[in-house]
Structures are given as C-alpha cells and as structure tokens.
Amino acid sequence: MTEAIQMTEEQQQQWIKTQYQVATKYLAEKGVVTQSVQVEESRYLVPILALWKLTSIDGNKFWVLCGDLPSDHSGVDVAPNAREALRHFSLKWQMQAENLLQANNEEQNKFAHLLIGRADGLYKLFNNESLWQSK
C-alpha cells in the first residue's frame, strides 16, 4: 500500500500555482493566450489534478485539465461546471484510447492504456458525491 503524500499548506499552494503555469503554458502551445482564470469555478485535487476555467484574450473560455495526467482542454460549452467537465474529459479520453488501440502501434497502445486508466480515475472522481458537496 502506498502512503499518502503529506503536503503542507504552503506546498499545496505552490503545487496549485505550478499547475496554473502548466495550464497556461499548455494553452499557449496551442496558440491560446490566457487573460484570466475563474478561480471560483476551477477545482484542484492536490497533488492529482487541477481543472481550470480560463478565459483567453479573445474572450473564449476553456476547461484546462493538468496534474498527474495528460494535459488537455476543451471549450467551456462542453460542460456547465467542473464536475461535468471531468466527465467530459473521461469520455473524451476513452474514445481517444479506442482510436489509438486500433492503430496497432506499441507506443500508441501504451498511451491508450494510460488514457484508459486516467479516464477511469476521472470518472470515479466525477461520481464521488463527497467531493462535490458544498462545504
């Protein structure tokens, strides 16, 4: 059994800050410059994932997922909230994995299996009621 990673509040805040930088760099690599973040709609599960709701300088809004999983993004129109965005990425990754498995390429098969595992984890987080109850 693996031991839970214990992080101080400062380490957690640093992890969140780093993930924000990962998300904005990821979008920049896609040609999208971030203008702002909607913190109240973004969610973090330190040190597993960060889901950001970001607005670009041209006014487009995106869900951006990063952390201990592949970084990915979609327009906000795919999900009304962070919980539904996790479900969206889970289903998206399952479909991508199916396509990769068709390729009969060892490297793509490895990535497909990674996606399947991460998609399953995202769906479990989506389904976990205790994570989504208001405090």
C-alpha atoms as a PDB file:
ATOM      1  CA  MET A   1       0.000   0.000   0.000  1.00  0.00           C
ATOM      2  CA  THR A   2       1.360   3.407  -0.895  1.00  0.00           C
ATOM      3  CA  GLU A   3       1.478   6.114   1.696  1.00  0.00           C
ATOM      4  CA  ALA A   4      -0.476   9.288   1.152  1.00  0.00           C
ATOM      5  CA  ILE A   5       1.670  12.251   0.236  1.00  0.00           C
ATOM      6  CA  GLN A   6       1.569  14.764   3.074  1.00  0.00           C
ATOM      7  CA  MET A   7       1.923  18.343   1.922  1.00  0.00           C
ATOM      8  CA  THR A   8       1.969  21.497   3.969  1.00  0.00           C
ATOM      9  CA  GLU A   9      -0.474  24.284   3.100  1.00  0.00           C
ATOM     10  CA  GLU A  10       2.438  26.165   1.522  1.00  0.00           C
ATOM     11  CA  GLN A  11       3.399  23.136  -0.612  1.00  0.00           C
ATOM     12  CA  GLN A  12      -0.223  22.740  -1.699  1.00  0.00           C
ATOM     13  CA  GLN A  13      -0.438  26.401  -2.719  1.00  0.00           C
ATOM     14  CA  GLN A  14       2.839  26.062  -4.625  1.00  0.00           C
ATOM     15  CA  TRP A  15       1.505  22.957  -6.402  1.00  0.00           C
ATOM     16  CA  ILE A  16      -1.657  24.863  -7.424  1.00  0.00           C
ATOM     17  CA  LYS A  17       0.428  27.808  -8.659  1.00  0.00           C
ATOM     18  CA  THR A  18       2.651  25.449 -10.662  1.00  0.00           C
ATOM     19  CA  GLN A  19      -0.380  23.737 -12.199  1.00  0.00           C
ATOM     20  CA  TYR A  20      -1.776  27.125 -13.229  1.00  0.00           C
ATOM     21  CA  GLN A  21       1.522  27.775 -15.013  1.00  0.00           C
ATOM     22  CA  VAL A  22       1.328  24.330 -16.648  1.00  0.00           C
ATOM     23  CA  ALA A  23      -2.225  25.059 -17.856  1.00  0.00           C
ATOM     24  CA  THR A  24      -1.440  28.491 -19.294  1.00  0.00           C
ATOM     25  CA  LYS A  25       1.748  27.194 -20.968  1.00  0.00           C
ATOM     26  CA  TYR A  26      -0.218  24.267 -22.414  1.00  0.00           C
ATOM     27  CA  LEU A  27      -2.790  26.666 -23.916  1.00  0.00           C
ATOM     28  CA  ALA A  28      -0.012  28.947 -25.192  1.00  0.00           C
ATOM     29  CA  GLU A  29       1.489  25.968 -27.022  1.00  0.00           C
ATOM     30  CA  LYS A  30      -1.914  25.593 -28.695  1.00  0.00           C
ATOM     31  CA  GLY A  31      -1.818  29.253 -29.746  1.00  0.00           C
ATOM     32  CA  VAL A  32      -4.141  30.490 -26.990  1.00  0.00           C
ATOM     33  CA  VAL A  33      -3.047  33.337 -24.692  1.00  0.00           C
ATOM     34  CA  THR A  34      -4.743  33.321 -21.278  1.00  0.00           C
ATOM     35  CA  GLN A  35      -6.211  36.544 -19.956  1.00  0.00           C
ATOM     36  CA  SER A  36      -7.885  35.397 -16.726  1.00  0.00           C
ATOM     37  CA  VAL A  37      -8.926  32.468 -14.566  1.00  0.00           C
ATOM     38  CA  GLN A  38     -12.292  31.910 -12.931  1.00  0.00           C
ATOM     39  CA  VAL A  39     -10.983  30.657  -9.604  1.00  0.00           C
ATOM     40  CA  GLU A  40     -14.434  30.069  -8.094  1.00  0.00           C
ATOM     41  CA  GLU A  41     -15.260  27.598 -10.889  1.00  0.00           C
ATOM     42  CA  SER A  42     -11.839  25.919 -11.052  1.00  0.00           C
ATOM     43  CA  ARG A  43     -11.134  22.833  -8.921  1.00  0.00           C
ATOM     44  CA  TYR A  44      -7.980  21.200  -7.515  1.00  0.00           C
ATOM     45  CA  LEU A  45      -7.321  17.806  -6.020  1.00  0.00           C
ATOM     46  CA  VAL A  46      -3.734  18.244  -4.798  1.00  0.00           C
ATOM     47  CA  PRO A  47      -1.452  16.559  -5.942  1.00  0.00           C
ATOM     48  CA  ILE A  48      -3.538  14.708  -8.545  1.00  0.00           C
ATOM     49  CA  LEU A  49      -5.273  17.190 -10.779  1.00  0.00           C
ATOM     50  CA  ALA A  50      -6.153  20.788 -11.406  1.00  0.00           C
ATOM     51  CA  LEU A  51      -9.099  21.780 -13.557  1.00  0.00           C
ATOM     52  CA  TRP A  52      -9.031  25.416 -14.594  1.00  0.00           C
ATOM     53  CA  LYS A  53     -11.699  27.553 -16.200  1.00  0.00           C
ATOM     54  CA  LEU A  54      -9.638  30.006 -18.222  1.00  0.00           C
ATOM     55  CA  THR A  55     -10.519  32.918 -20.494  1.00  0.00           C
ATOM     56  CA  SER A  56      -8.306  33.816 -23.447  1.00  0.00           C
ATOM     57  CA  ILE A  57      -7.501  37.342 -24.601  1.00  0.00           C
ATOM     58  CA  ASP A  58     -10.035  36.953 -27.422  1.00  0.00           C
ATOM     59  CA  GLY A  59     -12.792  36.113 -24.910  1.00  0.00           C
ATOM     60  CA  ASN A  60     -13.001  32.362 -25.500  1.00  0.00           C
ATOM     61  CA  LYS A  61     -13.351  30.219 -22.386  1.00  0.00           C
ATOM     62  CA  PHE A  62     -11.765  26.822 -21.817  1.00  0.00           C
ATOM     63  CA  TRP A  63     -11.670  23.990 -19.321  1.00  0.00           C
ATOM     64  CA  VAL A  64      -7.989  23.022 -18.936  1.00  0.00           C
ATOM     65  CA  LEU A  65      -7.010  19.838 -17.119  1.00  0.00           C
ATOM     66  CA  CYS A  66      -3.484  19.165 -15.836  1.00  0.00           C
ATOM     67  CA  GLY A  67      -1.633  17.473 -12.993  1.00  0.00           C
ATOM     68  CA  ASP A  68      -0.639  13.808 -12.695  1.00  0.00           C
ATOM     69  CA  LEU A  69      -2.302  13.088 -16.028  1.00  0.00           C
ATOM     70  CA  PRO A  70      -2.073  14.286 -19.616  1.00  0.00           C
ATOM     71  CA  SER A  71      -2.881  17.983 -20.036  1.00  0.00           C
ATOM     72  CA  ASP A  72      -5.982  18.593 -22.127  1.00  0.00           C
ATOM     73  CA  HIS A  73      -8.504  21.304 -22.881  1.00  0.00           C
ATOM     74  CA  SER A  74     -11.981  21.838 -24.290  1.00  0.00           C
ATOM     75  CA  GLY A  75     -14.246  24.815 -24.778  1.00  0.00           C
ATOM     76  CA  VAL A  76     -16.478  25.551 -21.794  1.00  0.00           C
ATOM     77  CA  ASP A  77     -19.548  24.727 -23.874  1.00  0.00           C
ATOM     78  CA  VAL A  78     -18.845  21.006 -23.272  1.00  0.00           C
ATOM     79  CA  ALA A  79     -19.731  21.261 -19.572  1.00  0.00           C
ATOM     80  CA  PRO A  80     -21.635  23.697 -17.334  1.00  0.00           C
ATOM     81  CA  ASN A  81     -19.387  23.078 -14.306  1.00  0.00           C
ATOM     82  CA  ALA A  82     -16.150  21.431 -13.156  1.00  0.00           C
ATOM     83  CA  ARG A  83     -17.820  18.148 -12.255  1.00  0.00           C
ATOM     84  CA  GLU A  84     -19.335  17.754 -15.714  1.00  0.00           C
ATOM     85  CA  ALA A  85     -16.014  18.827 -17.266  1.00  0.00           C
ATOM     86  CA  LEU A  86     -14.312  15.871 -15.538  1.00  0.00           C
ATOM     87  CA  ARG A  87     -16.922  13.554 -17.008  1.00  0.00           C
ATOM     88  CA  HIS A  88     -16.383  15.121 -20.437  1.00  0.00           C
ATOM     89  CA  PHE A  89     -12.608  14.512 -20.295  1.00  0.00           C
ATOM     90  CA  SER A  90     -13.177  10.957 -19.063  1.00  0.00           C
ATOM     91  CA  LEU A  91     -15.435  10.131 -22.010  1.00  0.00           C
ATOM     92  CA  LYS A  92     -13.195  12.013 -24.469  1.00  0.00           C
ATOM     93  CA  TRP A  93     -10.143  10.040 -23.331  1.00  0.00           C
ATOM     94  CA  GLN A  94     -11.982   6.728 -23.539  1.00  0.00           C
ATOM     95  CA  MET A  95     -12.865   7.470 -27.174  1.00  0.00           C
ATOM     96  CA  GLN A  96      -9.307   8.627 -27.947  1.00  0.00           C
ATOM     97  CA  ALA A  97      -7.928   5.452 -26.371  1.00  0.00           C
ATOM     98  CA  GLU A  98     -10.211   3.292 -28.514  1.00  0.00           C
ATOM     99  CA  ASN A  99      -8.920   5.052 -31.641  1.00  0.00           C
ATOM    100  CA  LEU A 100      -5.299   4.643 -30.528  1.00  0.00           C
ATOM    101  CA  LEU A 101      -5.781   0.931 -29.860  1.00  0.00           C
ATOM    102  CA  GLN A 102      -6.954   0.476 -33.465  1.00  0.00           C
ATOM    103  CA  ALA A 103      -3.553   1.689 -34.698  1.00  0.00           C
ATOM    104  CA  ASN A 104      -1.662  -1.477 -33.670  1.00  0.00           C
ATOM    105  CA  ASN A 105       1.319   0.644 -32.644  1.00  0.00           C
ATOM    106  CA  GLU A 106       3.110  -0.279 -29.401  1.00  0.00           C
ATOM    107  CA  GLU A 107       3.784   3.340 -28.377  1.00  0.00           C
ATOM    108  CA  GLN A 108       0.186   4.371 -29.092  1.00  0.00           C
ATOM    109  CA  ASN A 109      -1.083   1.293 -27.225  1.00  0.00           C
ATOM    110  CA  LYS A 110       0.896   2.354 -24.145  1.00  0.00           C
ATOM    111  CA  PHE A 111      -0.581   5.848 -24.296  1.00  0.00           C
ATOM    112  CA  ALA A 112      -4.061   4.382 -24.889  1.00  0.00           C
ATOM    113  CA  HIS A 113      -3.766   2.315 -21.710  1.00  0.00           C
ATOM    114  CA  LEU A 114      -2.580   5.375 -19.778  1.00  0.00           C
ATOM    115  CA  LEU A 115      -5.609   7.302 -21.069  1.00  0.00           C
ATOM    116  CA  ILE A 116      -7.957   4.472 -20.130  1.00  0.00           C
ATOM    117  CA  GLY A 117      -6.578   4.409 -16.570  1.00  0.00           C
ATOM    118  CA  ARG A 118      -6.764   8.179 -16.184  1.00  0.00           C
ATOM    119  CA  ALA A 119     -10.249   8.299 -17.759  1.00  0.00           C
ATOM    120  CA  ASP A 120     -11.425   5.702 -15.246  1.00  0.00           C
ATOM    121  CA  GLY A 121      -9.937   7.753 -12.403  1.00  0.00           C
ATOM    122  CA  LEU A 122     -11.632  10.932 -13.648  1.00  0.00           C
ATOM    123  CA  TYR A 123     -14.978   9.169 -13.853  1.00  0.00           C
ATOM    124  CA  LYS A 124     -14.587   7.892 -10.292  1.00  0.00           C
ATOM    125  CA  LEU A 125     -13.900  11.479  -9.145  1.00  0.00           C
ATOM    126  CA  PHE A 126     -16.935  12.689 -11.113  1.00  0.00           C
ATOM    127  CA  ASN A 127     -19.055  10.014  -9.417  1.00  0.00           C
ATOM    128  CA  ASN A 128     -17.749  10.687  -5.871  1.00  0.00           C
ATOM    129  CA  GLU A 129     -20.580  12.692  -4.264  1.00  0.00           C
ATOM    130  CA  SER A 130     -18.499  13.680  -1.227  1.00  0.00           C
ATOM    131  CA  LEU A 131     -16.123  15.676  -3.445  1.00  0.00           C
ATOM    132  CA  TRP A 132     -18.917  17.798  -4.853  1.00  0.00           C
ATOM    133  CA  GLN A 133     -20.962  18.644  -1.753  1.00  0.00           C
ATOM    134  CA  SER A 134     -20.905  22.281  -0.715  1.00  0.00           C
ATOM    135  CA  LYS A 135     -18.986  22.903   2.460  1.00  0.00           C
END
